[in-house]
């Protein structure tokens, strides 16, 4: 069995910091975000994926609003995750949430709620 070794995590600043101070603190291999003046440490995506896999999550989404890109993964019958959809536009249909579909561009374009409800057939 492969052993996973995690890099030592830097201690984030305890107080709120400016974005410039965050950039000074940040190192290339540090996985962190600056949110409302606070430093939030993030796990590498590969570690997050291992956690999702071990939990048996049947479907998960990775949304990147800055790049306007989404990836939707579904677990197949062998237990492996397969990309069900990836891109910036198009319709994603959930296998887990029966009947649920999503126009992916809605994630960044934010159309009027009434229009979305009409398209979903809810009004």
PDB file of N, CA and C in Angstrom:
ATOM      1  N   UNK A   1       0.839  -1.178   0.000  1.00  0.00           N
ATOM      2  CA  UNK A   1       0.000   0.000   0.000  1.00  0.00           C
ATOM      3  C   UNK A   1       0.883   1.239   0.000  1.00  0.00           C
ATOM      4  N   UNK A   2       0.529   2.224  -0.821  1.00  0.00           N
ATOM      5  CA  UNK A   2       1.296   3.457  -0.921  1.00  0.00           C
ATOM      6  C   UNK A   2       1.109   4.300   0.339  1.00  0.00           C
ATOM      7  N   UNK A   3       2.213   4.813   0.861  1.00  0.00           N
ATOM      8  CA  UNK A   3       2.147   5.662   2.043  1.00  0.00           C
ATOM      9  C   UNK A   3       2.092   7.117   1.595  1.00  0.00           C
ATOM     10  N   UNK A   4       1.169   7.883   2.151  1.00  0.00           N
ATOM     11  CA  UNK A   4       1.042   9.291   1.812  1.00  0.00           C
ATOM     12  C   UNK A   4       1.772  10.102   2.866  1.00  0.00           C
ATOM     13  N   UNK A   5       2.675  10.954   2.423  1.00  0.00           N
ATOM     14  CA  UNK A   5       3.433  11.805   3.335  1.00  0.00           C
ATOM     15  C   UNK A   5       2.993  13.242   3.076  1.00  0.00           C
ATOM     16  N   UNK A   6       2.558  13.915   4.137  1.00  0.00           N
ATOM     17  CA  UNK A   6       2.081  15.281   4.013  1.00  0.00           C
ATOM     18  C   UNK A   6       3.196  16.253   4.355  1.00  0.00           C
ATOM     19  N   UNK A   7       3.278  17.329   3.576  1.00  0.00           N
ATOM     20  CA  UNK A   7       4.268  18.361   3.851  1.00  0.00           C
ATOM     21  C   UNK A   7       3.882  19.092   5.127  1.00  0.00           C
ATOM     22  N   UNK A   8       4.897  19.622   5.804  1.00  0.00           N
ATOM     23  CA  UNK A   8       4.642  20.385   7.018  1.00  0.00           C
ATOM     24  C   UNK A   8       3.823  21.624   6.665  1.00  0.00           C
ATOM     25  N   UNK A   9       2.801  21.907   7.463  1.00  0.00           N
ATOM     26  CA  UNK A   9       1.922  23.035   7.206  1.00  0.00           C
ATOM     27  C   UNK A   9       2.409  24.265   7.955  1.00  0.00           C
ATOM     28  N   UNK A  10       2.457  25.388   7.276  1.00  0.00           N
ATOM     29  CA  UNK A  10       2.858  26.652   7.904  1.00  0.00           C
ATOM     30  C   UNK A  10       1.736  27.128   8.805  1.00  0.00           C
ATOM     31  N   UNK A  11       2.096  27.761   9.887  1.00  0.00           N
ATOM     32  CA  UNK A  11       1.112  28.339  10.791  1.00  0.00           C
ATOM     33  C   UNK A  11       0.633  29.659  10.205  1.00  0.00           C
ATOM     34  N   UNK A  12      -0.682  29.810  10.034  1.00  0.00           N
ATOM     35  CA  UNK A  12      -1.188  31.065   9.452  1.00  0.00           C
ATOM     36  C   UNK A  12      -1.147  32.196  10.478  1.00  0.00           C
ATOM     37  N   UNK A  13      -1.146  33.442  10.008  1.00  0.00           N
ATOM     38  CA  UNK A  13      -1.208  34.573  10.933  1.00  0.00           C
ATOM     39  C   UNK A  13      -2.470  34.480  11.794  1.00  0.00           C
ATOM     40  N   UNK A  14      -2.372  34.873  13.057  1.00  0.00           N
ATOM     41  CA  UNK A  14      -3.508  34.771  13.983  1.00  0.00           C
ATOM     42  C   UNK A  14      -4.498  35.915  13.811  1.00  0.00           C
ATOM     43  N   UNK A  15      -4.018  37.076  13.374  1.00  0.00           N
ATOM     44  CA  UNK A  15      -4.872  38.247  13.212  1.00  0.00           C
ATOM     45  C   UNK A  15      -5.214  38.442  11.742  1.00  0.00           C
ATOM     46  N   UNK A  16      -6.161  39.337  11.499  1.00  0.00           N
ATOM     47  CA  UNK A  16      -6.487  39.680  10.112  1.00  0.00           C
ATOM     48  C   UNK A  16      -5.279  40.358   9.478  1.00  0.00           C
ATOM     49  N   UNK A  17      -5.087  40.100   8.182  1.00  0.00           N
ATOM     50  CA  UNK A  17      -3.953  40.667   7.455  1.00  0.00           C
ATOM     51  C   UNK A  17      -4.451  41.276   6.153  1.00  0.00           C
ATOM     52  N   UNK A  18      -3.688  42.217   5.632  1.00  0.00           N
ATOM     53  CA  UNK A  18      -4.022  42.791   4.328  1.00  0.00           C
ATOM     54  C   UNK A  18      -3.660  41.766   3.252  1.00  0.00           C
ATOM     55  N   UNK A  19      -4.156  41.989   2.054  1.00  0.00           N
ATOM     56  CA  UNK A  19      -3.841  41.074   0.955  1.00  0.00           C
ATOM     57  C   UNK A  19      -2.336  41.091   0.676  1.00  0.00           C
ATOM     58  N   UNK A  20      -1.728  42.257   0.779  1.00  0.00           N
ATOM     59  CA  UNK A  20      -0.284  42.373   0.556  1.00  0.00           C
ATOM     60  C   UNK A  20       0.493  41.560   1.594  1.00  0.00           C
ATOM     61  N   UNK A  21       0.051  41.624   2.880  1.00  0.00           N
ATOM     62  CA  UNK A  21       0.701  40.837   3.932  1.00  0.00           C
ATOM     63  C   UNK A  21       0.504  39.337   3.681  1.00  0.00           C
ATOM     64  N   UNK A  22      -0.669  38.977   3.189  1.00  0.00           N
ATOM     65  CA  UNK A  22      -0.935  37.576   2.853  1.00  0.00           C
ATOM     66  C   UNK A  22       0.048  37.105   1.777  1.00  0.00           C
ATOM     67  N   UNK A  23       0.236  37.908   0.745  1.00  0.00           N
ATOM     68  CA  UNK A  23       1.150  37.534  -0.339  1.00  0.00           C
ATOM     69  C   UNK A  23       2.587  37.407   0.153  1.00  0.00           C
ATOM     70  N   UNK A  24       2.980  38.255   1.095  1.00  0.00           N
ATOM     71  CA  UNK A  24       4.321  38.158   1.677  1.00  0.00           C
ATOM     72  C   UNK A  24       4.473  36.870   2.484  1.00  0.00           C
ATOM     73  N   UNK A  25       3.416  36.470   3.202  1.00  0.00           N
ATOM     74  CA  UNK A  25       3.439  35.263   4.034  1.00  0.00           C
ATOM     75  C   UNK A  25       3.408  34.002   3.179  1.00  0.00           C
ATOM     76  N   UNK A  26       2.663  34.035   2.095  1.00  0.00           N
ATOM     77  CA  UNK A  26       2.414  32.864   1.254  1.00  0.00           C
ATOM     78  C   UNK A  26       3.689  32.370   0.573  1.00  0.00           C
ATOM     79  N   UNK A  27       3.862  31.049   0.558  1.00  0.00           N
ATOM     80  CA  UNK A  27       4.960  30.435  -0.187  1.00  0.00           C
ATOM     81  C   UNK A  27       4.360  29.632  -1.327  1.00  0.00           C
ATOM     82  N   UNK A  28       5.163  29.336  -2.318  1.00  0.00           N
ATOM     83  CA  UNK A  28       4.682  28.673  -3.527  1.00  0.00           C
ATOM     84  C   UNK A  28       3.969  27.348  -3.251  1.00  0.00           C
ATOM     85  N   UNK A  29       4.447  26.595  -2.268  1.00  0.00           N
ATOM     86  CA  UNK A  29       3.849  25.281  -2.000  1.00  0.00           C
ATOM     87  C   UNK A  29       2.862  25.299  -0.842  1.00  0.00           C
ATOM     88  N   UNK A  30       2.445  26.491  -0.406  1.00  0.00           N
ATOM     89  CA  UNK A  30       1.459  26.599   0.662  1.00  0.00           C
ATOM     90  C   UNK A  30       0.076  26.704   0.045  1.00  0.00           C
ATOM     91  N   UNK A  31      -0.822  25.824   0.442  1.00  0.00           N
ATOM     92  CA  UNK A  31      -2.187  25.827  -0.070  1.00  0.00           C
ATOM     93  C   UNK A  31      -3.052  26.631   0.893  1.00  0.00           C
ATOM     94  N   UNK A  32      -3.299  27.899   0.524  1.00  0.00           N
ATOM     95  CA  UNK A  32      -4.058  28.777   1.408  1.00  0.00           C
ATOM     96  C   UNK A  32      -4.827  29.793   0.582  1.00  0.00           C
ATOM     97  N   UNK A  33      -5.867  30.352   1.203  1.00  0.00           N
ATOM     98  CA  UNK A  33      -6.660  31.413   0.586  1.00  0.00           C
ATOM     99  C   UNK A  33      -6.749  32.574   1.551  1.00  0.00           C
ATOM    100  N   UNK A  34      -6.931  33.765   1.010  1.00  0.00           N
ATOM    101  CA  UNK A  34      -7.158  34.969   1.819  1.00  0.00           C
ATOM    102  C   UNK A  34      -8.642  35.272   1.727  1.00  0.00           C
ATOM    103  N   UNK A  35      -9.353  35.162   2.858  1.00  0.00           N
ATOM    104  CA  UNK A  35     -10.803  35.354   2.884  1.00  0.00           C
ATOM    105  C   UNK A  35     -11.128  36.396   3.947  1.00  0.00           C
ATOM    106  N   UNK A  36     -11.644  37.528   3.508  1.00  0.00           N
ATOM    107  CA  UNK A  36     -12.032  38.605   4.421  1.00  0.00           C
ATOM    108  C   UNK A  36     -10.937  38.933   5.437  1.00  0.00           C
ATOM    109  N   UNK A  37      -9.701  38.967   4.970  1.00  0.00           N
ATOM    110  CA  UNK A  37      -8.597  39.346   5.840  1.00  0.00           C
ATOM    111  C   UNK A  37      -8.003  38.207   6.648  1.00  0.00           C
ATOM    112  N   UNK A  38      -8.574  37.018   6.547  1.00  0.00           N
ATOM    113  CA  UNK A  38      -8.055  35.878   7.299  1.00  0.00           C
ATOM    114  C   UNK A  38      -7.433  34.863   6.355  1.00  0.00           C
ATOM    115  N   UNK A  39      -6.410  34.190   6.837  1.00  0.00           N
ATOM    116  CA  UNK A  39      -5.740  33.157   6.057  1.00  0.00           C
ATOM    117  C   UNK A  39      -6.409  31.816   6.350  1.00  0.00           C
ATOM    118  N   UNK A  40      -6.866  31.156   5.286  1.00  0.00           N
ATOM    119  CA  UNK A  40      -7.529  29.865   5.419  1.00  0.00           C
ATOM    120  C   UNK A  40      -6.659  28.823   4.724  1.00  0.00           C
ATOM    121  N   UNK A  41      -6.162  27.860   5.500  1.00  0.00           N
ATOM    122  CA  UNK A  41      -5.344  26.795   4.916  1.00  0.00           C
ATOM    123  C   UNK A  41      -6.238  25.808   4.185  1.00  0.00           C
ATOM    124  N   UNK A  42      -5.779  25.336   3.035  1.00  0.00           N
ATOM    125  CA  UNK A  42      -6.527  24.380   2.217  1.00  0.00           C
ATOM    126  C   UNK A  42      -5.682  23.127   2.042  1.00  0.00           C
ATOM    127  N   UNK A  43      -6.366  21.989   1.946  1.00  0.00           N
ATOM    128  CA  UNK A  43      -5.648  20.755   1.640  1.00  0.00           C
ATOM    129  C   UNK A  43      -5.393  20.712   0.140  1.00  0.00           C
ATOM    130  N   UNK A  44      -4.325  20.077  -0.285  1.00  0.00           N
ATOM    131  CA  UNK A  44      -4.140  19.867  -1.726  1.00  0.00           C
ATOM    132  C   UNK A  44      -5.318  19.058  -2.275  1.00  0.00           C
ATOM    133  N   UNK A  45      -5.687  19.324  -3.513  1.00  0.00           N
ATOM    134  CA  UNK A  45      -6.832  18.644  -4.116  1.00  0.00           C
ATOM    135  C   UNK A  45      -6.685  17.133  -4.031  1.00  0.00           C
ATOM    136  N   UNK A  46      -5.475  16.604  -4.198  1.00  0.00           N
ATOM    137  CA  UNK A  46      -5.285  15.157  -4.160  1.00  0.00           C
ATOM    138  C   UNK A  46      -5.649  14.591  -2.788  1.00  0.00           C
ATOM    139  N   UNK A  47      -5.356  15.336  -1.708  1.00  0.00           N
ATOM    140  CA  UNK A  47      -5.703  14.875  -0.368  1.00  0.00           C
ATOM    141  C   UNK A  47      -7.214  14.917  -0.193  1.00  0.00           C
ATOM    142  N   UNK A  48      -7.850  16.012  -0.667  1.00  0.00           N
ATOM    143  CA  UNK A  48      -9.301  16.124  -0.583  1.00  0.00           C
ATOM    144  C   UNK A  48      -9.956  14.966  -1.342  1.00  0.00           C
ATOM    145  N   UNK A  49      -9.415  14.632  -2.508  1.00  0.00           N
ATOM    146  CA  UNK A  49      -9.967  13.541  -3.304  1.00  0.00           C
ATOM    147  C   UNK A  49      -9.861  12.219  -2.544  1.00  0.00           C
ATOM    148  N   UNK A  50      -8.736  11.983  -1.854  1.00  0.00           N
ATOM    149  CA  UNK A  50      -8.596  10.756  -1.062  1.00  0.00           C
ATOM    150  C   UNK A  50      -9.660  10.688   0.018  1.00  0.00           C
ATOM    151  N   UNK A  51      -9.947  11.825   0.669  1.00  0.00           N
ATOM    152  CA  UNK A  51     -10.976  11.858   1.705  1.00  0.00           C
ATOM    153  C   UNK A  51     -12.342  11.551   1.121  1.00  0.00           C
ATOM    154  N   UNK A  52     -12.656  12.111  -0.032  1.00  0.00           N
ATOM    155  CA  UNK A  52     -13.943  11.873  -0.688  1.00  0.00           C
ATOM    156  C   UNK A  52     -14.048  10.406  -1.079  1.00  0.00           C
ATOM    157  N   UNK A  53     -12.989   9.861  -1.622  1.00  0.00           N
ATOM    158  CA  UNK A  53     -12.991   8.466  -2.054  1.00  0.00           C
ATOM    159  C   UNK A  53     -13.200   7.521  -0.879  1.00  0.00           C
ATOM    160  N   UNK A  54     -12.498   7.756   0.223  1.00  0.00           N
ATOM    161  CA  UNK A  54     -12.622   6.858   1.372  1.00  0.00           C
ATOM    162  C   UNK A  54     -13.995   6.968   2.029  1.00  0.00           C
ATOM    163  N   UNK A  55     -14.663   8.107   1.855  1.00  0.00           N
ATOM    164  CA  UNK A  55     -16.006   8.290   2.429  1.00  0.00           C
ATOM    165  C   UNK A  55     -17.086   7.677   1.549  1.00  0.00           C
ATOM    166  N   UNK A  56     -16.742   7.284   0.325  1.00  0.00           N
ATOM    167  CA  UNK A  56     -17.723   6.662  -0.560  1.00  0.00           C
ATOM    168  C   UNK A  56     -18.724   7.632  -1.148  1.00  0.00           C
ATOM    169  N   UNK A  57     -18.348   8.900  -1.262  1.00  0.00           N
ATOM    170  CA  UNK A  57     -19.236   9.913  -1.823  1.00  0.00           C
ATOM    171  C   UNK A  57     -19.578   9.528  -3.268  1.00  0.00           C
ATOM    172  N   UNK A  58     -20.871   9.440  -3.615  1.00  0.00           N
ATOM    173  CA  UNK A  58     -21.241   8.972  -4.949  1.00  0.00           C
ATOM    174  C   UNK A  58     -21.047   9.999  -6.066  1.00  0.00           C
ATOM    175  N   UNK A  59     -21.028  11.283  -5.716  1.00  0.00           N
ATOM    176  CA  UNK A  59     -20.921  12.330  -6.729  1.00  0.00           C
ATOM    177  C   UNK A  59     -20.343  13.568  -6.060  1.00  0.00           C
ATOM    178  N   UNK A  60     -19.419  14.243  -6.724  1.00  0.00           N
ATOM    179  CA  UNK A  60     -18.938  15.510  -6.192  1.00  0.00           C
ATOM    180  C   UNK A  60     -18.617  16.477  -7.321  1.00  0.00           C
ATOM    181  N   UNK A  61     -18.644  17.764  -6.954  1.00  0.00           N
ATOM    182  CA  UNK A  61     -18.437  18.834  -7.921  1.00  0.00           C
ATOM    183  C   UNK A  61     -17.219  19.653  -7.507  1.00  0.00           C
ATOM    184  N   UNK A  62     -16.449  20.082  -8.494  1.00  0.00           N
ATOM    185  CA  UNK A  62     -15.344  21.010  -8.270  1.00  0.00           C
ATOM    186  C   UNK A  62     -15.651  22.242  -9.120  1.00  0.00           C
ATOM    187  N   UNK A  63     -15.923  23.361  -8.448  1.00  0.00           N
ATOM    188  CA  UNK A  63     -16.316  24.591  -9.128  1.00  0.00           C
ATOM    189  C   UNK A  63     -15.202  25.624  -8.960  1.00  0.00           C
ATOM    190  N   UNK A  64     -14.738  26.175 -10.066  1.00  0.00           N
ATOM    191  CA  UNK A  64     -13.714  27.214 -10.029  1.00  0.00           C
ATOM    192  C   UNK A  64     -14.319  28.491 -10.624  1.00  0.00           C
ATOM    193  N   UNK A  65     -14.882  29.358  -9.767  1.00  0.00           N
ATOM    194  CA  UNK A  65     -15.543  30.561 -10.285  1.00  0.00           C
ATOM    195  C   UNK A  65     -14.590  31.557 -10.944  1.00  0.00           C
ATOM    196  N   UNK A  66     -13.336  31.581 -10.520  1.00  0.00           N
ATOM    197  CA  UNK A  66     -12.378  32.508 -11.132  1.00  0.00           C
ATOM    198  C   UNK A  66     -12.120  32.137 -12.587  1.00  0.00           C
ATOM    199  N   UNK A  67     -11.961  30.861 -12.857  1.00  0.00           N
ATOM    200  CA  UNK A  67     -11.732  30.389 -14.231  1.00  0.00           C
ATOM    201  C   UNK A  67     -13.033  30.126 -14.973  1.00  0.00           C
ATOM    202  N   UNK A  68     -14.158  30.180 -14.223  1.00  0.00           N
ATOM    203  CA  UNK A  68     -15.474  29.853 -14.794  1.00  0.00           C
ATOM    204  C   UNK A  68     -15.437  28.455 -15.408  1.00  0.00           C
ATOM    205  N   UNK A  69     -15.060  27.517 -14.563  1.00  0.00           N
ATOM    206  CA  UNK A  69     -14.901  26.128 -15.006  1.00  0.00           C
ATOM    207  C   UNK A  69     -15.423  25.197 -13.923  1.00  0.00           C
ATOM    208  N   UNK A  70     -16.127  24.166 -14.347  1.00  0.00           N
ATOM    209  CA  UNK A  70     -16.689  23.205 -13.392  1.00  0.00           C
ATOM    210  C   UNK A  70     -16.385  21.781 -13.844  1.00  0.00           C
ATOM    211  N   UNK A  71     -16.147  20.926 -12.855  1.00  0.00           N
ATOM    212  CA  UNK A  71     -15.961  19.497 -13.115  1.00  0.00           C
ATOM    213  C   UNK A  71     -16.905  18.745 -12.186  1.00  0.00           C
ATOM    214  N   UNK A  72     -17.598  17.771 -12.739  1.00  0.00           N
ATOM    215  CA  UNK A  72     -18.543  16.963 -11.983  1.00  0.00           C
ATOM    216  C   UNK A  72     -18.103  15.512 -12.090  1.00  0.00           C
ATOM    217  N   UNK A  73     -17.927  14.877 -10.940  1.00  0.00           N
ATOM    218  CA  UNK A  73     -17.445  13.505 -10.899  1.00  0.00           C
ATOM    219  C   UNK A  73     -18.523  12.593 -10.318  1.00  0.00           C
ATOM    220  N   UNK A  74     -18.633  11.401 -10.887  1.00  0.00           N
ATOM    221  CA  UNK A  74     -19.568  10.393 -10.387  1.00  0.00           C
ATOM    222  C   UNK A  74     -18.817   9.090 -10.190  1.00  0.00           C
ATOM    223  N   UNK A  75     -19.157   8.400  -9.118  1.00  0.00           N
ATOM    224  CA  UNK A  75     -18.526   7.118  -8.807  1.00  0.00           C
ATOM    225  C   UNK A  75     -19.181   6.037  -9.670  1.00  0.00           C
ATOM    226  N   UNK A  76     -18.377   5.217 -10.329  1.00  0.00           N
ATOM    227  CA  UNK A  76     -18.945   4.153 -11.158  1.00  0.00           C
ATOM    228  C   UNK A  76     -19.109   2.857 -10.363  1.00  0.00           C
ATOM    229  N   UNK A  77     -19.558   1.811 -11.024  1.00  0.00           N
ATOM    230  CA  UNK A  77     -19.839   0.538 -10.346  1.00  0.00           C
ATOM    231  C   UNK A  77     -18.593  -0.134  -9.771  1.00  0.00           C
ATOM    232  N   UNK A  78     -17.398   0.263 -10.247  1.00  0.00           N
ATOM    233  CA  UNK A  78     -16.163  -0.301  -9.703  1.00  0.00           C
ATOM    234  C   UNK A  78     -15.643   0.504  -8.516  1.00  0.00           C
ATOM    235  N   UNK A  79     -16.289   1.649  -8.233  1.00  0.00           N
ATOM    236  CA  UNK A  79     -15.853   2.501  -7.132  1.00  0.00           C
ATOM    237  C   UNK A  79     -14.922   3.623  -7.560  1.00  0.00           C
ATOM    238  N   UNK A  80     -14.590   3.666  -8.853  1.00  0.00           N
ATOM    239  CA  UNK A  80     -13.700   4.719  -9.362  1.00  0.00           C
ATOM    240  C   UNK A  80     -14.525   5.949  -9.741  1.00  0.00           C
ATOM    241  N   UNK A  81     -13.928   7.114  -9.596  1.00  0.00           N
ATOM    242  CA  UNK A  81     -14.602   8.348 -10.005  1.00  0.00           C
ATOM    243  C   UNK A  81     -14.316   8.615 -11.470  1.00  0.00           C
ATOM    244  N   UNK A  82     -15.353   8.958 -12.192  1.00  0.00           N
ATOM    245  CA  UNK A  82     -15.259   9.283 -13.617  1.00  0.00           C
ATOM    246  C   UNK A  82     -15.791  10.696 -13.813  1.00  0.00           C
ATOM    247  N   UNK A  83     -15.175  11.429 -14.724  1.00  0.00           N
ATOM    248  CA  UNK A  83     -15.659  12.766 -15.033  1.00  0.00           C
ATOM    249  C   UNK A  83     -16.965  12.631 -15.795  1.00  0.00           C
ATOM    250  N   UNK A  84     -18.038  13.168 -15.209  1.00  0.00           N
ATOM    251  CA  UNK A  84     -19.339  13.115 -15.854  1.00  0.00           C
ATOM    252  C   UNK A  84     -19.551  14.338 -16.742  1.00  0.00           C
ATOM    253  N   UNK A  85     -18.891  15.429 -16.392  1.00  0.00           N
ATOM    254  CA  UNK A  85     -19.000  16.671 -17.164  1.00  0.00           C
ATOM    255  C   UNK A  85     -17.849  17.576 -16.748  1.00  0.00           C
ATOM    256  N   UNK A  86     -17.302  18.300 -17.702  1.00  0.00           N
ATOM    257  CA  UNK A  86     -16.332  19.345 -17.375  1.00  0.00           C
ATOM    258  C   UNK A  86     -16.460  20.433 -18.425  1.00  0.00           C
ATOM    259  N   UNK A  87     -16.373  21.661 -17.983  1.00  0.00           N
ATOM    260  CA  UNK A  87     -16.460  22.776 -18.906  1.00  0.00           C
ATOM    261  C   UNK A  87     -17.081  23.997 -18.287  1.00  0.00           C
ATOM    262  N   UNK A  88     -17.319  24.997 -19.129  1.00  0.00           N
ATOM    263  CA  UNK A  88     -17.870  26.269 -18.679  1.00  0.00           C
ATOM    264  C   UNK A  88     -19.320  26.458 -19.089  1.00  0.00           C
ATOM    265  N   UNK A  89     -19.758  25.695 -20.084  1.00  0.00           N
ATOM    266  CA  UNK A  89     -21.129  25.793 -20.572  1.00  0.00           C
ATOM    267  C   UNK A  89     -21.664  24.403 -20.858  1.00  0.00           C
ATOM    268  N   UNK A  90     -22.961  24.286 -20.805  1.00  0.00           N
ATOM    269  CA  UNK A  90     -23.614  23.011 -21.067  1.00  0.00           C
ATOM    270  C   UNK A  90     -24.498  22.637 -19.892  1.00  0.00           C
ATOM    271  N   UNK A  91     -25.104  21.495 -19.992  1.00  0.00           N
ATOM    272  CA  UNK A  91     -26.025  21.039 -18.946  1.00  0.00           C
ATOM    273  C   UNK A  91     -25.431  19.830 -18.246  1.00  0.00           C
ATOM    274  N   UNK A  92     -25.382  19.917 -16.925  1.00  0.00           N
ATOM    275  CA  UNK A  92     -24.958  18.781 -16.113  1.00  0.00           C
ATOM    276  C   UNK A  92     -26.204  18.131 -15.530  1.00  0.00           C
ATOM    277  N   UNK A  93     -26.294  16.804 -15.642  1.00  0.00           N
ATOM    278  CA  UNK A  93     -27.414  16.054 -15.083  1.00  0.00           C
ATOM    279  C   UNK A  93     -26.889  15.132 -13.983  1.00  0.00           C
ATOM    280  N   UNK A  94     -27.417  15.342 -12.791  1.00  0.00           N
ATOM    281  CA  UNK A  94     -26.997  14.540 -11.648  1.00  0.00           C
ATOM    282  C   UNK A  94     -27.567  13.133 -11.753  1.00  0.00           C
ATOM    283  N   UNK A  95     -26.749  12.161 -11.417  1.00  0.00           N
ATOM    284  CA  UNK A  95     -27.214  10.783 -11.341  1.00  0.00           C
ATOM    285  C   UNK A  95     -27.766  10.486  -9.948  1.00  0.00           C
ATOM    286  N   UNK A  96     -27.314  11.241  -8.969  1.00  0.00           N
ATOM    287  CA  UNK A  96     -27.699  11.019  -7.581  1.00  0.00           C
ATOM    288  C   UNK A  96     -28.991  11.739  -7.232  1.00  0.00           C
ATOM    289  N   UNK A  97     -29.112  12.999  -7.656  1.00  0.00           N
ATOM    290  CA  UNK A  97     -30.315  13.792  -7.394  1.00  0.00           C
ATOM    291  C   UNK A  97     -31.256  13.618  -8.582  1.00  0.00           C
ATOM    292  N   UNK A  98     -32.110  12.639  -8.504  1.00  0.00           N
ATOM    293  CA  UNK A  98     -32.974  12.263  -9.622  1.00  0.00           C
ATOM    294  C   UNK A  98     -33.734  13.458 -10.191  1.00  0.00           C
ATOM    295  N   UNK A  99     -33.590  13.650 -11.497  1.00  0.00           N
ATOM    296  CA  UNK A  99     -34.279  14.726 -12.188  1.00  0.00           C
ATOM    297  C   UNK A  99     -33.589  16.081 -12.112  1.00  0.00           C
ATOM    298  N   UNK A 100     -32.536  16.189 -11.303  1.00  0.00           N
ATOM    299  CA  UNK A 100     -31.863  17.482 -11.169  1.00  0.00           C
ATOM    300  C   UNK A 100     -30.896  17.694 -12.322  1.00  0.00           C
ATOM    301  N   UNK A 101     -30.968  18.890 -12.902  1.00  0.00           N
ATOM    302  CA  UNK A 101     -29.997  19.295 -13.914  1.00  0.00           C
ATOM    303  C   UNK A 101     -29.620  20.749 -13.675  1.00  0.00           C
ATOM    304  N   UNK A 102     -28.478  21.135 -14.215  1.00  0.00           N
ATOM    305  CA  UNK A 102     -27.956  22.465 -13.982  1.00  0.00           C
ATOM    306  C   UNK A 102     -27.329  23.001 -15.256  1.00  0.00           C
ATOM    307  N   UNK A 103     -27.752  24.185 -15.661  1.00  0.00           N
ATOM    308  CA  UNK A 103     -27.085  24.898 -16.752  1.00  0.00           C
ATOM    309  C   UNK A 103     -25.817  25.476 -16.125  1.00  0.00           C
ATOM    310  N   UNK A 104     -24.653  24.952 -16.491  1.00  0.00           N
ATOM    311  CA  UNK A 104     -23.398  25.275 -15.812  1.00  0.00           C
ATOM    312  C   UNK A 104     -23.094  26.769 -15.831  1.00  0.00           C
ATOM    313  N   UNK A 105     -23.415  27.465 -16.885  1.00  0.00           N
ATOM    314  CA  UNK A 105     -23.128  28.908 -16.954  1.00  0.00           C
ATOM    315  C   UNK A 105     -23.866  29.691 -15.882  1.00  0.00           C
ATOM    316  N   UNK A 106     -24.939  29.121 -15.321  1.00  0.00           N
ATOM    317  CA  UNK A 106     -25.670  29.789 -14.239  1.00  0.00           C
ATOM    318  C   UNK A 106     -24.765  30.002 -13.019  1.00  0.00           C
ATOM    319  N   UNK A 107     -23.747  29.181 -12.876  1.00  0.00           N
ATOM    320  CA  UNK A 107     -22.846  29.319 -11.729  1.00  0.00           C
ATOM    321  C   UNK A 107     -22.119  30.656 -11.729  1.00  0.00           C
ATOM    322  N   UNK A 108     -21.888  31.249 -12.900  1.00  0.00           N
ATOM    323  CA  UNK A 108     -21.187  32.534 -12.951  1.00  0.00           C
ATOM    324  C   UNK A 108     -22.019  33.654 -13.543  1.00  0.00           C
ATOM    325  N   UNK A 109     -23.023  33.334 -14.318  1.00  0.00           N
ATOM    326  CA  UNK A 109     -23.823  34.392 -14.937  1.00  0.00           C
ATOM    327  C   UNK A 109     -24.979  34.851 -14.054  1.00  0.00           C
ATOM    328  N   UNK A 110     -25.412  34.038 -13.132  1.00  0.00           N
ATOM    329  CA  UNK A 110     -26.478  34.375 -12.191  1.00  0.00           C
ATOM    330  C   UNK A 110     -27.710  34.985 -12.875  1.00  0.00           C
ATOM    331  N   UNK A 111     -28.442  34.186 -13.644  1.00  0.00           N
ATOM    332  CA  UNK A 111     -29.642  34.713 -14.288  1.00  0.00           C
ATOM    333  C   UNK A 111     -30.719  34.997 -13.243  1.00  0.00           C
ATOM    334  N   UNK A 112     -31.752  35.750 -13.628  1.00  0.00           N
ATOM    335  CA  UNK A 112     -32.842  36.003 -12.683  1.00  0.00           C
ATOM    336  C   UNK A 112     -33.453  34.678 -12.191  1.00  0.00           C
ATOM    337  N   UNK A 113     -33.725  34.621 -10.902  1.00  0.00           N
ATOM    338  CA  UNK A 113     -34.246  33.402 -10.282  1.00  0.00           C
ATOM    339  C   UNK A 113     -35.517  32.935 -10.985  1.00  0.00           C
ATOM    340  N   UNK A 114     -36.395  33.866 -11.325  1.00  0.00           N
ATOM    341  CA  UNK A 114     -37.664  33.507 -11.978  1.00  0.00           C
ATOM    342  C   UNK A 114     -37.410  32.753 -13.281  1.00  0.00           C
ATOM    343  N   UNK A 115     -36.418  33.213 -14.081  1.00  0.00           N
ATOM    344  CA  UNK A 115     -36.084  32.543 -15.342  1.00  0.00           C
ATOM    345  C   UNK A 115     -35.597  31.114 -15.095  1.00  0.00           C
ATOM    346  N   UNK A 116     -34.780  30.940 -14.071  1.00  0.00           N
ATOM    347  CA  UNK A 116     -34.264  29.611 -13.741  1.00  0.00           C
ATOM    348  C   UNK A 116     -35.404  28.687 -13.307  1.00  0.00           C
ATOM    349  N   UNK A 117     -36.283  29.184 -12.464  1.00  0.00           N
ATOM    350  CA  UNK A 117     -37.425  28.376 -11.990  1.00  0.00           C
ATOM    351  C   UNK A 117     -38.310  27.960 -13.170  1.00  0.00           C
ATOM    352  N   UNK A 118     -38.498  28.858 -14.130  1.00  0.00           N
ATOM    353  CA  UNK A 118     -39.288  28.510 -15.330  1.00  0.00           C
ATOM    354  C   UNK A 118     -38.603  27.386 -16.113  1.00  0.00           C
ATOM    355  N   UNK A 119     -37.285  27.545 -16.330  1.00  0.00           N
ATOM    356  CA  UNK A 119     -36.557  26.511 -17.097  1.00  0.00           C
ATOM    357  C   UNK A 119     -36.563  25.176 -16.401  1.00  0.00           C
ATOM    358  N   UNK A 120     -36.564  25.196 -15.059  1.00  0.00           N
ATOM    359  CA  UNK A 120     -36.597  23.942 -14.314  1.00  0.00           C
ATOM    360  C   UNK A 120     -38.012  23.373 -14.219  1.00  0.00           C
ATOM    361  N   UNK A 121     -38.994  24.120 -14.729  1.00  0.00           N
ATOM    362  CA  UNK A 121     -40.370  23.655 -14.710  1.00  0.00           C
ATOM    363  C   UNK A 121     -41.018  23.734 -13.343  1.00  0.00           C
ATOM    364  N   UNK A 122     -40.523  24.612 -12.486  1.00  0.00           N
ATOM    365  CA  UNK A 122     -41.047  24.720 -11.136  1.00  0.00           C
ATOM    366  C   UNK A 122     -42.131  25.798 -11.015  1.00  0.00           C
ATOM    367  N   UNK A 123     -42.250  26.675 -12.008  1.00  0.00           N
ATOM    368  CA  UNK A 123     -43.321  27.684 -12.009  1.00  0.00           C
ATOM    369  C   UNK A 123     -43.920  27.786 -13.393  1.00  0.00           C
TER     370      UNK A 123
END
